[in-house]
Protein backbone atom coordinates (compact mmCIF):
# COMPACT_ATOMS: atom_id res chain seq x y z
CA UNK A 1 38.97 30.52 -6.60
CA UNK A 2 35.93 28.80 -5.09
CA UNK A 3 36.02 25.05 -4.82
CA UNK A 4 33.97 23.55 -7.65
CA UNK A 5 33.11 20.44 -5.63
CA UNK A 6 29.54 20.22 -4.46
CA UNK A 7 29.14 21.09 -0.79
CA UNK A 8 27.25 18.73 1.46
CA UNK A 9 25.39 19.87 4.54
CA UNK A 10 25.14 17.03 7.02
CA UNK A 11 22.40 16.49 9.60
CA UNK A 12 23.98 16.18 13.06
CA UNK A 13 21.16 13.90 14.20
CA UNK A 14 21.09 11.16 11.56
CA UNK A 15 24.01 12.06 9.24
CA UNK A 16 21.74 12.60 6.22
CA UNK A 17 23.49 14.82 3.66
CA UNK A 18 21.78 17.63 1.76
CA UNK A 19 22.98 19.61 -1.25
CA UNK A 20 22.16 22.94 0.40
CA UNK A 21 21.18 24.47 3.74
CA UNK A 22 17.55 24.92 2.66
CA UNK A 23 17.11 21.20 2.08
CA UNK A 24 18.88 20.42 5.33
CA UNK A 25 16.58 22.71 7.31
CA UNK A 26 13.55 21.19 5.62
CA UNK A 27 14.82 17.71 6.51
CA UNK A 28 15.27 18.62 10.19
CA UNK A 29 11.84 20.26 10.47
CA UNK A 30 9.92 17.45 8.78
CA UNK A 31 11.83 14.34 9.92
CA UNK A 32 13.15 15.16 13.38
CA UNK A 33 10.87 17.96 14.58
CA UNK A 34 7.87 16.38 12.85
CA UNK A 35 6.46 19.74 11.78
CA UNK A 36 3.34 19.49 9.62
CA UNK A 37 1.89 22.96 8.99
CA UNK A 38 -0.31 22.06 6.00
CA UNK A 39 -3.75 20.70 6.84
CA UNK A 40 -6.27 19.00 4.58
CA UNK A 41 -9.64 20.74 4.96
CA UNK A 42 -11.48 17.56 4.00
CA UNK A 43 -10.11 15.02 6.52
CA UNK A 44 -7.96 17.24 8.80
CA UNK A 45 -4.76 15.29 8.16
CA UNK A 46 -1.51 17.29 8.42
CA UNK A 47 1.42 17.33 6.01
CA UNK A 48 4.97 18.64 6.16
CA UNK A 49 4.99 20.16 2.68
CA UNK A 50 2.46 21.82 0.39
CA UNK A 51 3.00 19.40 -2.51
CA UNK A 52 2.45 16.47 -0.13
CA UNK A 53 -0.95 17.94 0.76
CA UNK A 54 -1.83 18.41 -2.91
CA UNK A 55 -0.82 14.84 -3.72
CA UNK A 56 -2.91 13.60 -0.78
CA UNK A 57 -6.01 15.45 -2.06
CA UNK A 58 -5.49 14.18 -5.61
CA UNK A 59 -5.04 10.57 -4.52
CA UNK A 60 -7.32 10.16 -1.50
CA UNK A 61 -10.18 12.56 -2.10
CA UNK A 62 -10.33 13.18 -5.85
CA UNK A 63 -9.21 9.65 -6.81
CA UNK A 64 -7.03 10.89 -9.67
CA UNK A 65 -5.07 7.97 -11.17
CA UNK A 66 -3.55 9.01 -14.51
CA UNK A 67 -0.94 6.24 -14.78
CA UNK A 68 -2.09 2.88 -16.15
CA UNK A 69 -0.26 -0.45 -16.24
CA UNK A 70 -0.12 -1.70 -19.84
CA UNK A 71 -0.04 -5.31 -18.64
CA UNK A 72 -2.99 -5.55 -16.22
CA UNK A 73 -4.59 -2.11 -16.82
CA UNK A 74 -4.42 -1.26 -13.12
CA UNK A 75 -4.37 2.50 -12.53
CA UNK A 76 -2.07 4.44 -10.22
CA UNK A 77 -1.94 7.96 -8.90
CA UNK A 78 1.86 8.19 -8.90
CA UNK A 79 4.18 7.24 -11.75
CA UNK A 80 6.75 5.81 -9.34
CA UNK A 81 4.10 3.51 -7.87
CA UNK A 82 3.28 2.24 -11.35
CA UNK A 83 6.96 1.52 -11.98
CA UNK A 84 7.24 -0.30 -8.64
CA UNK A 85 4.11 -2.29 -9.47
CA UNK A 86 5.48 -3.46 -12.83
CA UNK A 87 8.85 -4.42 -11.35
CA UNK A 88 7.43 -6.26 -8.34
CA UNK A 89 4.22 -7.83 -9.72
CA UNK A 90 4.98 -8.52 -13.37
CA UNK A 91 8.76 -8.63 -13.71
CA UNK A 92 9.16 -9.90 -10.14
CA UNK A 93 12.48 -8.15 -9.64
CA UNK A 94 14.00 -7.88 -6.18
CA UNK A 95 17.18 -5.87 -6.72
CA UNK A 96 17.34 -4.27 -3.27
CA UNK A 97 19.11 -6.57 -0.82
CA UNK A 98 19.56 -6.08 2.92
CA UNK A 99 23.28 -6.02 3.71
CA UNK A 100 22.67 -7.57 7.12
CA UNK A 101 20.39 -10.56 6.46
CA UNK A 102 20.48 -10.73 2.63
CA UNK A 103 16.68 -10.57 2.33
CA UNK A 104 15.70 -9.00 -1.00
CA UNK A 105 12.96 -6.51 -1.85
CA UNK A 106 11.37 -5.18 -4.99
CA UNK A 107 11.45 -1.52 -4.00
CA UNK A 108 13.73 0.66 -1.89
CA UNK A 109 10.94 1.68 0.48
CA UNK A 110 10.36 -1.94 1.48
CA UNK A 111 14.06 -2.41 2.17
CA UNK A 112 14.21 0.73 4.32
CA UNK A 113 11.10 -0.28 6.21
CA UNK A 114 12.56 -3.75 6.81
CA UNK A 115 15.83 -2.25 8.06
CA UNK A 116 14.07 0.08 10.52
CA UNK A 117 11.78 -2.63 11.87
CA UNK A 118 14.24 -5.51 12.04
CA UNK A 119 17.79 -4.21 12.35
CA UNK A 120 17.73 -0.63 13.62
CA UNK A 121 19.17 -0.39 17.14
CA UNK A 122 19.61 2.66 19.30
CA UNK A 123 23.16 1.84 20.28
CA UNK A 124 24.32 1.93 16.65
CA UNK A 125 23.39 5.58 16.34
CA UNK A 126 23.94 6.91 19.86
CA UNK A 127 21.14 9.28 20.88
CA UNK A 128 20.39 10.31 17.32
CA UNK A 129 17.82 7.59 16.56
CA UNK A 130 15.33 6.53 19.18
CA UNK A 131 12.78 3.77 19.35
CA UNK A 132 9.21 5.08 19.34
CA UNK A 133 7.36 3.72 22.35
CA UNK A 134 3.75 4.23 23.38
CA UNK A 135 3.62 5.78 26.85
CA UNK A 136 0.22 4.17 27.47
CA UNK A 137 0.81 0.49 26.71
CA UNK A 138 4.61 0.53 26.11
CA UNK A 139 4.27 -1.01 22.65
CA UNK A 140 7.24 -0.04 20.45
CA UNK A 141 7.37 1.09 16.84
CA UNK A 142 10.13 1.58 14.29
CA UNK A 143 8.75 4.85 12.94
CA UNK A 144 6.93 7.73 14.59
CA UNK A 145 4.00 7.70 12.15
CA UNK A 146 3.14 4.15 13.24
CA UNK A 147 3.18 5.23 16.88
CA UNK A 148 0.89 8.20 16.17
CA UNK A 149 -1.53 5.99 14.24
CA UNK A 150 -1.47 3.42 17.06
CA UNK A 151 -2.36 6.02 19.71
CA UNK A 152 -5.16 7.56 17.66
CA UNK A 153 -6.76 4.27 16.69
CA UNK A 154 -6.21 2.09 19.76
CA UNK A 155 -6.16 4.46 22.74
CA UNK A 156 -8.06 7.51 21.53
CA UNK A 157 -10.41 5.40 19.37
CA UNK A 158 -10.58 8.13 16.72
CA UNK A 159 -12.66 7.14 13.70
CA UNK A 160 -12.80 9.94 11.16
CA UNK A 161 -14.37 8.11 8.23
CA UNK A 162 -17.82 6.48 8.34
CA UNK A 163 -19.32 4.14 5.79
CA UNK A 164 -22.50 5.49 4.17
CA UNK A 165 -23.83 1.96 3.70
CA UNK A 166 -23.48 0.67 7.27
CA UNK A 167 -22.30 1.71 10.73
CA UNK A 168 -18.65 0.85 10.09
CA UNK A 169 -16.14 3.64 10.84
CA UNK A 170 -12.33 3.82 10.77
CA UNK A 171 -9.41 6.17 11.33
CA UNK A 172 -7.87 5.99 7.86
CA UNK A 173 -9.56 6.66 4.54
CA UNK A 174 -7.93 3.75 2.72
CA UNK A 175 -9.35 1.37 5.38
CA UNK A 176 -12.84 2.68 4.61
CA UNK A 177 -12.20 2.22 0.89
CA UNK A 178 -11.05 -1.36 1.52
CA UNK A 179 -14.16 -2.00 3.62
CA UNK A 180 -16.51 -0.76 0.87
CA UNK A 181 -14.72 -2.74 -1.84
CA UNK A 182 -14.61 -5.99 0.13
CA UNK A 183 -17.88 -5.91 2.10
CA UNK A 184 -20.33 -3.99 -0.07
CA UNK A 185 -18.94 -4.08 -3.62
CA UNK A 186 -17.30 -7.49 -3.13
CA UNK A 187 -14.61 -6.63 -5.65
CA UNK A 188 -12.14 -9.40 -6.39
CA UNK A 189 -9.02 -7.50 -7.41
CA UNK A 190 -6.41 -9.98 -6.21
CA UNK A 191 -5.72 -12.76 -8.70
CA UNK A 192 -3.67 -15.90 -8.20
CA UNK A 193 -0.91 -15.83 -10.83
CA UNK A 194 -0.98 -19.64 -11.03
CA UNK A 195 -4.64 -20.61 -11.45
CA UNK A 196 -6.10 -17.12 -12.07
CA UNK A 197 -8.66 -17.47 -9.29
CA UNK A 198 -9.66 -14.09 -7.89
CA UNK A 199 -10.10 -13.02 -4.28
CA UNK A 200 -11.53 -10.08 -2.39
CA UNK A 201 -8.66 -9.87 0.08
CA UNK A 202 -4.97 -9.98 -0.75
CA UNK A 203 -4.31 -11.99 2.41
CA UNK A 204 -6.72 -14.68 1.25
CA UNK A 205 -5.05 -14.79 -2.15
CA UNK A 206 -1.61 -15.18 -0.56
CA UNK A 207 -2.85 -18.03 1.65
CA UNK A 208 -4.33 -19.62 -1.45
CA UNK A 209 -0.97 -19.33 -3.25
CA UNK A 210 0.65 -21.32 -0.46
CA UNK A 211 -1.55 -24.27 -1.40
CA UNK A 212 -0.01 -24.26 -4.88
CA UNK A 213 3.47 -24.20 -3.40
CA UNK A 214 2.68 -27.22 -1.25
CA UNK A 215 1.39 -29.09 -4.28
CA UNK A 216 4.55 -28.22 -6.23
């Protein structure tokens, strides 16, 4: 009689477990071999899976945002992002704690990013996990996507998106969108939760919040 327990297929590189061999192969191809066979015909970006490409087109190019926050009416393209927004911005929950330094985060992705950037060391994982270093300037990155973006923007000076209102051009579409909103539309989407003053840039709003903390 076949064992009823679920079988786990483990990645020999990073020890990630998959429920079946298909998922394991997909994991190896996309994460470790960095295969991205699906290309966006609009901006030429590449993606590892077809549904990732479709989501990219919906979010970046078609601006589809069907999920709305009932508290602040902000719209989101992905339901999970809306849930994260509510938990972090409105409820201010930080349930995900780093086991090494005890720093807490509102969403799992932030915790994982923190762990990779701050605590991940090569010696802990043998040759399985490697630091991503630029061969041109030797700058190091925690994830490969950051290294690729660094090379394209800093060393290759690739600027795929140009502003129709001025000569400004950038590598990433969201940077162009931010430029238009802040420079030309002058949208003030970032509000201080203490005095309700609004700002164009989130960084400016955060610096403003520090003034309240000093007063308190």
